[in-house]
């Protein structure tokens, strides 16, 4: 009976599961992980810098969104602006783009702000009557 109770508690996540430590990394493997981490941080920083340069102009000039297209990656959309700038962005949940797409048919949708968070840059789009949508920017793309 005690074994069954313990199994239930572990299965429900009430008690923490004891895990064996992973295999020790060699000095070369640790160094390689550090190099990859530094390159990733540098690339991420460069992306944010390039994105900010492009996006600040869109915000200042209130350039409207012209088109929303699918990107090759799941749950990523190409947001094309009327000046030719294309941003790759991801919504928090599927279907979040529907209100923005509907709004584009009757009014102008523009970029209101960019905020850099721990999860990456977040773009906030706005349209009539205080409606808005936040999306996480994942990169820049070229106009087709």
C-alpha atoms as a PDB file:
ATOM      1  CA  UNK A   1       0.000   0.000   0.000  1.00  0.00           C
ATOM      2  CA  UNK A   2       2.853   2.396   0.815  1.00  0.00           C
ATOM      3  CA  UNK A   3       4.482   1.683  -2.560  1.00  0.00           C
ATOM      4  CA  UNK A   4       1.254   2.532  -4.396  1.00  0.00           C
ATOM      5  CA  UNK A   5       0.858   5.777  -2.429  1.00  0.00           C
ATOM      6  CA  UNK A   6       4.467   6.782  -3.209  1.00  0.00           C
ATOM      7  CA  UNK A   7       3.963   6.020  -6.911  1.00  0.00           C
ATOM      8  CA  UNK A   8       0.817   8.155  -6.974  1.00  0.00           C
ATOM      9  CA  UNK A   9       2.543  11.066  -5.249  1.00  0.00           C
ATOM     10  CA  UNK A  10       5.465  10.923  -7.675  1.00  0.00           C
ATOM     11  CA  UNK A  11       3.130  10.612 -10.671  1.00  0.00           C
ATOM     12  CA  UNK A  12       1.086  13.618  -9.593  1.00  0.00           C
ATOM     13  CA  UNK A  13       4.204  15.693  -9.091  1.00  0.00           C
ATOM     14  CA  UNK A  14       3.612  16.211  -5.381  1.00  0.00           C
ATOM     15  CA  UNK A  15       7.018  14.835  -4.445  1.00  0.00           C
ATOM     16  CA  UNK A  16      10.120  15.841  -6.396  1.00  0.00           C
ATOM     17  CA  UNK A  17      11.754  13.164  -8.487  1.00  0.00           C
ATOM     18  CA  UNK A  18      15.376  12.499  -7.634  1.00  0.00           C
ATOM     19  CA  UNK A  19      17.417  12.779 -10.792  1.00  0.00           C
ATOM     20  CA  UNK A  20      20.830  11.491 -11.451  1.00  0.00           C
ATOM     21  CA  UNK A  21      23.333  14.107 -12.414  1.00  0.00           C
ATOM     22  CA  UNK A  22      24.083  14.211 -16.141  1.00  0.00           C
ATOM     23  CA  UNK A  23      27.396  13.014 -17.486  1.00  0.00           C
ATOM     24  CA  UNK A  24      30.301  15.249 -16.679  1.00  0.00           C
ATOM     25  CA  UNK A  25      31.447  17.431 -19.540  1.00  0.00           C
ATOM     26  CA  UNK A  26      35.070  17.462 -20.548  1.00  0.00           C
ATOM     27  CA  UNK A  27      37.010  20.727 -20.492  1.00  0.00           C
ATOM     28  CA  UNK A  28      36.758  20.942 -24.289  1.00  0.00           C
ATOM     29  CA  UNK A  29      32.985  20.434 -24.205  1.00  0.00           C
ATOM     30  CA  UNK A  30      32.558  23.088 -21.501  1.00  0.00           C
ATOM     31  CA  UNK A  31      34.661  25.509 -23.525  1.00  0.00           C
ATOM     32  CA  UNK A  32      32.585  24.777 -26.637  1.00  0.00           C
ATOM     33  CA  UNK A  33      29.346  25.426 -24.711  1.00  0.00           C
ATOM     34  CA  UNK A  34      30.749  28.751 -23.481  1.00  0.00           C
ATOM     35  CA  UNK A  35      31.764  29.786 -27.007  1.00  0.00           C
ATOM     36  CA  UNK A  36      28.298  28.942 -28.369  1.00  0.00           C
ATOM     37  CA  UNK A  37      26.645  30.857 -25.525  1.00  0.00           C
ATOM     38  CA  UNK A  38      28.756  33.959 -26.183  1.00  0.00           C
ATOM     39  CA  UNK A  39      28.055  33.824 -29.931  1.00  0.00           C
ATOM     40  CA  UNK A  40      24.323  33.442 -29.266  1.00  0.00           C
ATOM     41  CA  UNK A  41      24.380  36.447 -26.918  1.00  0.00           C
ATOM     42  CA  UNK A  42      26.257  38.542 -29.492  1.00  0.00           C
ATOM     43  CA  UNK A  43      23.889  37.595 -32.322  1.00  0.00           C
ATOM     44  CA  UNK A  44      20.882  38.283 -30.111  1.00  0.00           C
ATOM     45  CA  UNK A  45      22.280  41.713 -29.235  1.00  0.00           C
ATOM     46  CA  UNK A  46      22.918  42.493 -32.920  1.00  0.00           C
ATOM     47  CA  UNK A  47      19.372  41.431 -33.818  1.00  0.00           C
ATOM     48  CA  UNK A  48      17.884  43.746 -31.206  1.00  0.00           C
ATOM     49  CA  UNK A  49      20.057  46.639 -32.421  1.00  0.00           C
ATOM     50  CA  UNK A  50      19.121  46.127 -36.094  1.00  0.00           C
ATOM     51  CA  UNK A  51      15.479  45.621 -35.233  1.00  0.00           C
ATOM     52  CA  UNK A  52      15.348  48.785 -33.158  1.00  0.00           C
ATOM     53  CA  UNK A  53      16.854  50.839 -35.975  1.00  0.00           C
ATOM     54  CA  UNK A  54      14.237  49.630 -38.452  1.00  0.00           C
ATOM     55  CA  UNK A  55      11.315  49.679 -36.050  1.00  0.00           C
ATOM     56  CA  UNK A  56      11.897  53.149 -34.606  1.00  0.00           C
ATOM     57  CA  UNK A  57      11.432  54.623 -38.088  1.00  0.00           C
ATOM     58  CA  UNK A  58       8.175  52.688 -38.467  1.00  0.00           C
ATOM     59  CA  UNK A  59       6.965  54.047 -35.130  1.00  0.00           C
ATOM     60  CA  UNK A  60       8.040  57.657 -35.810  1.00  0.00           C
ATOM     61  CA  UNK A  61       6.454  57.755 -39.277  1.00  0.00           C
ATOM     62  CA  UNK A  62       3.413  55.654 -38.301  1.00  0.00           C
ATOM     63  CA  UNK A  63       3.963  53.377 -41.318  1.00  0.00           C
ATOM     64  CA  UNK A  64       0.908  51.121 -41.700  1.00  0.00           C
ATOM     65  CA  UNK A  65       1.019  47.347 -41.884  1.00  0.00           C
ATOM     66  CA  UNK A  66       0.340  46.344 -45.495  1.00  0.00           C
ATOM     67  CA  UNK A  67       0.208  42.564 -45.269  1.00  0.00           C
ATOM     68  CA  UNK A  68       0.403  39.563 -42.935  1.00  0.00           C
ATOM     69  CA  UNK A  69       1.826  36.399 -44.479  1.00  0.00           C
ATOM     70  CA  UNK A  70       2.864  33.003 -43.189  1.00  0.00           C
ATOM     71  CA  UNK A  71       6.560  32.386 -42.593  1.00  0.00           C
ATOM     72  CA  UNK A  72       8.314  29.059 -43.175  1.00  0.00           C
ATOM     73  CA  UNK A  73       8.423  28.425 -39.419  1.00  0.00           C
ATOM     74  CA  UNK A  74       5.320  27.384 -37.480  1.00  0.00           C
ATOM     75  CA  UNK A  75       3.492  30.133 -35.597  1.00  0.00           C
ATOM     76  CA  UNK A  76       5.692  32.857 -37.107  1.00  0.00           C
ATOM     77  CA  UNK A  77       4.178  35.544 -39.335  1.00  0.00           C
ATOM     78  CA  UNK A  78       5.727  37.973 -41.790  1.00  0.00           C
ATOM     79  CA  UNK A  79       4.430  41.440 -40.955  1.00  0.00           C
ATOM     80  CA  UNK A  80       4.988  43.588 -44.069  1.00  0.00           C
ATOM     81  CA  UNK A  81       4.831  47.369 -43.793  1.00  0.00           C
ATOM     82  CA  UNK A  82       3.964  49.727 -46.647  1.00  0.00           C
ATOM     83  CA  UNK A  83       7.571  51.005 -46.870  1.00  0.00           C
ATOM     84  CA  UNK A  84       8.925  47.497 -47.612  1.00  0.00           C
ATOM     85  CA  UNK A  85      10.187  46.563 -44.133  1.00  0.00           C
ATOM     86  CA  UNK A  86       9.229  43.010 -43.132  1.00  0.00           C
ATOM     87  CA  UNK A  87       9.429  41.776 -39.544  1.00  0.00           C
ATOM     88  CA  UNK A  88       9.136  38.145 -38.469  1.00  0.00           C
ATOM     89  CA  UNK A  89       7.045  37.893 -35.325  1.00  0.00           C
ATOM     90  CA  UNK A  90       5.303  35.299 -33.193  1.00  0.00           C
ATOM     91  CA  UNK A  91       2.044  35.653 -31.271  1.00  0.00           C
ATOM     92  CA  UNK A  92       1.535  34.268 -27.793  1.00  0.00           C
ATOM     93  CA  UNK A  93      -1.335  32.022 -28.811  1.00  0.00           C
ATOM     94  CA  UNK A  94      -2.664  30.849 -32.167  1.00  0.00           C
ATOM     95  CA  UNK A  95      -5.436  33.066 -33.514  1.00  0.00           C
ATOM     96  CA  UNK A  96      -4.147  36.286 -31.958  1.00  0.00           C
ATOM     97  CA  UNK A  97      -3.568  37.777 -35.431  1.00  0.00           C
ATOM     98  CA  UNK A  98      -7.227  37.513 -36.466  1.00  0.00           C
ATOM     99  CA  UNK A  99      -8.396  40.806 -34.860  1.00  0.00           C
ATOM    100  CA  UNK A 100      -5.416  42.652 -36.352  1.00  0.00           C
ATOM    101  CA  UNK A 101      -6.103  41.197 -39.816  1.00  0.00           C
ATOM    102  CA  UNK A 102      -9.762  42.210 -39.563  1.00  0.00           C
ATOM    103  CA  UNK A 103      -8.788  45.715 -38.477  1.00  0.00           C
ATOM    104  CA  UNK A 104      -6.464  46.060 -41.479  1.00  0.00           C
ATOM    105  CA  UNK A 105      -9.511  45.779 -43.778  1.00  0.00           C
ATOM    106  CA  UNK A 106     -11.167  48.904 -42.366  1.00  0.00           C
ATOM    107  CA  UNK A 107      -8.479  51.005 -40.698  1.00  0.00           C
ATOM    108  CA  UNK A 108      -4.772  51.600 -40.389  1.00  0.00           C
ATOM    109  CA  UNK A 109      -2.759  49.267 -38.155  1.00  0.00           C
ATOM    110  CA  UNK A 110       0.560  50.727 -37.038  1.00  0.00           C
ATOM    111  CA  UNK A 111       3.411  49.834 -34.737  1.00  0.00           C
ATOM    112  CA  UNK A 112       3.109  51.625 -31.405  1.00  0.00           C
ATOM    113  CA  UNK A 113       6.226  50.512 -29.524  1.00  0.00           C
ATOM    114  CA  UNK A 114       9.077  48.069 -29.077  1.00  0.00           C
ATOM    115  CA  UNK A 115      10.171  46.755 -25.693  1.00  0.00           C
ATOM    116  CA  UNK A 116      13.156  44.544 -25.026  1.00  0.00           C
ATOM    117  CA  UNK A 117      12.327  41.847 -22.475  1.00  0.00           C
ATOM    118  CA  UNK A 118      14.098  38.762 -21.165  1.00  0.00           C
ATOM    119  CA  UNK A 119      12.228  36.747 -23.810  1.00  0.00           C
ATOM    120  CA  UNK A 120      13.357  39.039 -26.617  1.00  0.00           C
ATOM    121  CA  UNK A 121      11.948  42.127 -28.311  1.00  0.00           C
ATOM    122  CA  UNK A 122       8.185  42.634 -28.079  1.00  0.00           C
ATOM    123  CA  UNK A 123       6.319  44.696 -30.686  1.00  0.00           C
ATOM    124  CA  UNK A 124       2.993  46.334 -29.870  1.00  0.00           C
ATOM    125  CA  UNK A 125       0.668  47.082 -32.784  1.00  0.00           C
ATOM    126  CA  UNK A 126      -2.294  49.440 -32.407  1.00  0.00           C
ATOM    127  CA  UNK A 127      -5.440  50.441 -34.287  1.00  0.00           C
ATOM    128  CA  UNK A 128      -8.727  52.306 -33.668  1.00  0.00           C
ATOM    129  CA  UNK A 129     -10.402  52.570 -30.275  1.00  0.00           C
ATOM    130  CA  UNK A 130      -7.390  51.515 -28.240  1.00  0.00           C
ATOM    131  CA  UNK A 131      -7.099  48.003 -29.641  1.00  0.00           C
ATOM    132  CA  UNK A 132      -3.626  46.503 -29.651  1.00  0.00           C
ATOM    133  CA  UNK A 133      -1.678  43.284 -30.070  1.00  0.00           C
ATOM    134  CA  UNK A 134       1.730  42.310 -28.699  1.00  0.00           C
ATOM    135  CA  UNK A 135       3.998  39.977 -30.634  1.00  0.00           C
ATOM    136  CA  UNK A 136       7.534  38.751 -29.999  1.00  0.00           C
ATOM    137  CA  UNK A 137       9.870  39.766 -32.826  1.00  0.00           C
ATOM    138  CA  UNK A 138      12.100  36.927 -34.002  1.00  0.00           C
ATOM    139  CA  UNK A 139      13.912  38.666 -36.864  1.00  0.00           C
ATOM    140  CA  UNK A 140      13.855  40.757 -39.995  1.00  0.00           C
ATOM    141  CA  UNK A 141      12.975  39.488 -43.448  1.00  0.00           C
ATOM    142  CA  UNK A 142      13.170  40.802 -47.002  1.00  0.00           C
ATOM    143  CA  UNK A 143      10.200  42.067 -48.942  1.00  0.00           C
ATOM    144  CA  UNK A 144       9.074  39.639 -51.646  1.00  0.00           C
END
